[in-house]
Structure formats: structure tokens, C-alpha cells
Amino acid sequence: QLQLVESGGGLVQPGGSLRLSCLSSGTFFREYEVRWFRQTPGKEREFVARIGNNGASNSYADSVKDRFTASSDSAKSTVYLQMNDLKPEDTGIYYCYNQVYQVWGQGTQVTVSS
């Protein structure tokens, strides 16, 4: 059964950077589409970024465009979310989601605060 495990969250000051990882068990990288979402208390989970190998380009929410970059390493069965120039409004729990298998990771907390 496919499982996704996120890591890399933490506390960072505004303007700082973090790189989140989403490790996949199994061999799903033959064909994949992974989306990153984030959620803050009282709000619905919102789309952040998408990466896949089905020919479509990566896509990003307007709020993170030019600051966040999704990438992947097939040899490590891992997708990444590089987050630069972080802002307090980026605070939340970040989840990765495998669109093909409809599986969520457990989430990793990102807190941006001085």
C-alpha cells in the first residue's frame, strides 16, 4: 500500500527558507502526480503546488508563485517543495497528496514567525 511521509517543516523567520520532502513507499514514480496543500486552523486545505511526470507543467498557487519550487528525485522516490522568502501567512500544516493513488501524507508543520 502506498504511503507518503512528509518531513522538513519547522520554525523559520520571515524571509527564510525551508525544503519539505515527501517520501513515497513503493514504486509509484513510474507515473505520478503529487500535489502540495496547506491548512491553517479554521480554514480549508488549500492548494499550493503540483508536480507530475505526465507531461503537464508544474503549477503553483498565485500566493507562492516565484517563491516556491516543486521538484522530484525518482531515485529517492521523493518530491520536494523548496520554499523561499517565507512569510507569516505561509504558516500551516503542509501535506503532500498523490493524485493517482489518492493518498495523503500525515503533514508537517511550518511556522514562519520572528
C-alpha atoms as a PDB file:
ATOM      1  CA  GLN A   1       0.000   0.000   0.000  1.00  0.00           C
ATOM      2  CA  LEU A   2       1.339   3.414  -0.924  1.00  0.00           C
ATOM      3  CA  GLN A   3       2.334   5.656   1.973  1.00  0.00           C
ATOM      4  CA  LEU A   4       3.569   9.235   1.891  1.00  0.00           C
ATOM      5  CA  VAL A   5       5.756  10.686   4.633  1.00  0.00           C
ATOM      6  CA  GLU A   6       6.448  14.416   4.806  1.00  0.00           C
ATOM      7  CA  SER A   7       9.390  15.984   6.595  1.00  0.00           C
ATOM      8  CA  GLY A   8      11.345  19.220   6.698  1.00  0.00           C
ATOM      9  CA  GLY A   9       8.922  21.501   8.476  1.00  0.00           C
ATOM     10  CA  GLY A  10       9.937  23.743  11.329  1.00  0.00           C
ATOM     11  CA  LEU A  11      10.136  27.265  12.670  1.00  0.00           C
ATOM     12  CA  VAL A  12      11.742  29.889  10.454  1.00  0.00           C
ATOM     13  CA  GLN A  13      11.930  33.669  10.470  1.00  0.00           C
ATOM     14  CA  PRO A  14      10.250  35.744   7.752  1.00  0.00           C
ATOM     15  CA  GLY A  15      12.412  35.778   4.655  1.00  0.00           C
ATOM     16  CA  GLY A  16      13.885  32.403   5.481  1.00  0.00           C
ATOM     17  CA  SER A  17      13.741  29.111   3.579  1.00  0.00           C
ATOM     18  CA  LEU A  18      12.689  25.530   4.162  1.00  0.00           C
ATOM     19  CA  ARG A  19      12.650  22.459   1.987  1.00  0.00           C
ATOM     20  CA  LEU A  20       9.867  19.952   2.526  1.00  0.00           C
ATOM     21  CA  SER A  21      10.198  16.345   1.442  1.00  0.00           C
ATOM     22  CA  CYS A  22       7.503  13.831   0.578  1.00  0.00           C
ATOM     23  CA  LEU A  23       8.865  10.302   0.566  1.00  0.00           C
ATOM     24  CA  SER A  24       6.804   7.632  -1.124  1.00  0.00           C
ATOM     25  CA  SER A  25       6.922   3.961  -0.270  1.00  0.00           C
ATOM     26  CA  GLY A  26       6.554   1.695  -3.248  1.00  0.00           C
ATOM     27  CA  THR A  27       7.369   2.366  -6.871  1.00  0.00           C
ATOM     28  CA  PHE A  28       4.776   4.980  -7.741  1.00  0.00           C
ATOM     29  CA  PHE A  29       7.267   7.094  -9.657  1.00  0.00           C
ATOM     30  CA  ARG A  30       6.584   5.207 -12.855  1.00  0.00           C
ATOM     31  CA  GLU A  31       3.688   7.611 -13.252  1.00  0.00           C
ATOM     32  CA  TYR A  32       2.864  10.155 -10.613  1.00  0.00           C
ATOM     33  CA  GLU A  33       1.208  13.427  -9.859  1.00  0.00           C
ATOM     34  CA  VAL A  34       1.819  14.903  -6.432  1.00  0.00           C
ATOM     35  CA  ARG A  35       0.186  17.996  -5.058  1.00  0.00           C
ATOM     36  CA  TRP A  36       1.144  20.032  -2.031  1.00  0.00           C
ATOM     37  CA  PHE A  37      -1.576  21.543   0.121  1.00  0.00           C
ATOM     38  CA  ARG A  38      -1.517  23.527   3.343  1.00  0.00           C
ATOM     39  CA  GLN A  39      -4.015  24.106   6.078  1.00  0.00           C
ATOM     40  CA  THR A  40      -4.340  26.627   8.879  1.00  0.00           C
ATOM     41  CA  PRO A  41      -6.814  26.459  11.789  1.00  0.00           C
ATOM     42  CA  GLY A  42     -10.311  27.460  10.749  1.00  0.00           C
ATOM     43  CA  LYS A  43      -9.549  27.358   7.052  1.00  0.00           C
ATOM     44  CA  GLU A  44      -9.973  24.785   4.358  1.00  0.00           C
ATOM     45  CA  ARG A  45      -6.986  22.960   2.964  1.00  0.00           C
ATOM     46  CA  GLU A  46      -5.637  24.991   0.046  1.00  0.00           C
ATOM     47  CA  PHE A  47      -3.646  24.011  -3.000  1.00  0.00           C
ATOM     48  CA  VAL A  48      -0.018  25.105  -3.037  1.00  0.00           C
ATOM     49  CA  ALA A  49       1.812  23.323  -5.863  1.00  0.00           C
ATOM     50  CA  ARG A  50       1.683  20.427  -8.289  1.00  0.00           C
ATOM     51  CA  ILE A  51       4.353  18.264  -9.887  1.00  0.00           C
ATOM     52  CA  GLY A  52       3.996  15.228 -12.103  1.00  0.00           C
ATOM     53  CA  ASN A  53       5.604  13.258 -14.910  1.00  0.00           C
ATOM     54  CA  ASN A  54       2.562  13.044 -17.175  1.00  0.00           C
ATOM     55  CA  GLY A  55       3.661  15.902 -19.399  1.00  0.00           C
ATOM     56  CA  ALA A  56       1.892  18.742 -17.661  1.00  0.00           C
ATOM     57  CA  SER A  57       3.955  21.608 -16.312  1.00  0.00           C
ATOM     58  CA  ASN A  58       4.348  22.276 -12.635  1.00  0.00           C
ATOM     59  CA  SER A  59       1.762  24.649 -11.295  1.00  0.00           C
ATOM     60  CA  TYR A  60       1.587  26.892  -8.241  1.00  0.00           C
ATOM     61  CA  ALA A  61      -0.896  28.925  -6.285  1.00  0.00           C
ATOM     62  CA  ASP A  62      -0.586  32.624  -7.048  1.00  0.00           C
ATOM     63  CA  SER A  63       0.336  33.281  -3.419  1.00  0.00           C
ATOM     64  CA  VAL A  64       3.527  31.190  -3.673  1.00  0.00           C
ATOM     65  CA  LYS A  65       4.500  31.642  -7.319  1.00  0.00           C
ATOM     66  CA  ASP A  66       8.126  32.734  -7.748  1.00  0.00           C
ATOM     67  CA  ARG A  67       8.885  31.766  -4.136  1.00  0.00           C
ATOM     68  CA  PHE A  68       8.148  28.023  -4.027  1.00  0.00           C
ATOM     69  CA  THR A  69       9.527  25.360  -6.351  1.00  0.00           C
ATOM     70  CA  ALA A  70       8.425  21.739  -6.605  1.00  0.00           C
ATOM     71  CA  SER A  71      10.901  19.112  -7.751  1.00  0.00           C
ATOM     72  CA  SER A  72      11.391  15.362  -7.644  1.00  0.00           C
ATOM     73  CA  ASP A  73      14.076  12.723  -7.350  1.00  0.00           C
ATOM     74  CA  SER A  74      12.891   9.444  -8.825  1.00  0.00           C
ATOM     75  CA  ALA A  75      15.861   7.532  -7.455  1.00  0.00           C
ATOM     76  CA  LYS A  76      14.767   8.502  -3.955  1.00  0.00           C
ATOM     77  CA  SER A  77      11.006   8.270  -4.650  1.00  0.00           C
ATOM     78  CA  THR A  78      10.740  11.741  -3.192  1.00  0.00           C
ATOM     79  CA  VAL A  79       9.205  15.017  -4.196  1.00  0.00           C
ATOM     80  CA  TYR A  80      10.300  18.286  -2.681  1.00  0.00           C
ATOM     81  CA  LEU A  81       8.892  21.715  -2.055  1.00  0.00           C
ATOM     82  CA  GLN A  82      11.565  24.378  -1.811  1.00  0.00           C
ATOM     83  CA  MET A  83      10.103  27.392  -0.038  1.00  0.00           C
ATOM     84  CA  ASN A  84      11.991  30.679  -0.169  1.00  0.00           C
ATOM     85  CA  ASP A  85      11.226  34.157   1.130  1.00  0.00           C
ATOM     86  CA  LEU A  86       8.765  32.709   3.604  1.00  0.00           C
ATOM     87  CA  LYS A  87       6.069  34.932   5.040  1.00  0.00           C
ATOM     88  CA  PRO A  88       3.965  34.610   8.205  1.00  0.00           C
ATOM     89  CA  GLU A  89       0.950  33.804   6.038  1.00  0.00           C
ATOM     90  CA  ASP A  90       2.767  30.690   4.809  1.00  0.00           C
ATOM     91  CA  THR A  91       2.343  29.199   8.277  1.00  0.00           C
ATOM     92  CA  GLY A  92       0.358  25.976   8.337  1.00  0.00           C
ATOM     93  CA  ILE A  93       0.456  22.229   8.115  1.00  0.00           C
ATOM     94  CA  TYR A  94       1.743  21.136   4.731  1.00  0.00           C
ATOM     95  CA  TYR A  95       0.502  17.928   3.172  1.00  0.00           C
ATOM     96  CA  CYS A  96       1.520  16.061   0.060  1.00  0.00           C
ATOM     97  CA  TYR A  97      -1.112  14.168  -1.910  1.00  0.00           C
ATOM     98  CA  ASN A  98      -0.674  11.545  -4.579  1.00  0.00           C
ATOM     99  CA  GLN A  99      -3.354  12.309  -7.148  1.00  0.00           C
ATOM    100  CA  VAL A 100      -3.054   8.964  -8.957  1.00  0.00           C
ATOM    101  CA  TYR A 101      -3.493   6.795  -5.857  1.00  0.00           C
ATOM    102  CA  GLN A 102      -5.474   9.383  -3.823  1.00  0.00           C
ATOM    103  CA  VAL A 103      -3.248   9.033  -0.779  1.00  0.00           C
ATOM    104  CA  TRP A 104      -2.391  11.806   1.718  1.00  0.00           C
ATOM    105  CA  GLY A 105       0.687  12.165   3.863  1.00  0.00           C
ATOM    106  CA  GLN A 106       0.437  12.922   7.580  1.00  0.00           C
ATOM    107  CA  GLY A 107       1.526  16.553   7.247  1.00  0.00           C
ATOM    108  CA  THR A 108       4.433  18.632   8.520  1.00  0.00           C
ATOM    109  CA  GLN A 109       4.133  21.899  10.443  1.00  0.00           C
ATOM    110  CA  VAL A 110       5.649  25.072   9.017  1.00  0.00           C
ATOM    111  CA  THR A 111       5.728  28.138  11.234  1.00  0.00           C
ATOM    112  CA  VAL A 112       7.010  31.485   9.974  1.00  0.00           C
ATOM    113  CA  SER A 113       7.492  33.911  12.824  1.00  0.00           C
ATOM    114  CA  SER A 114      10.017  36.340  14.221  1.00  0.00           C
END
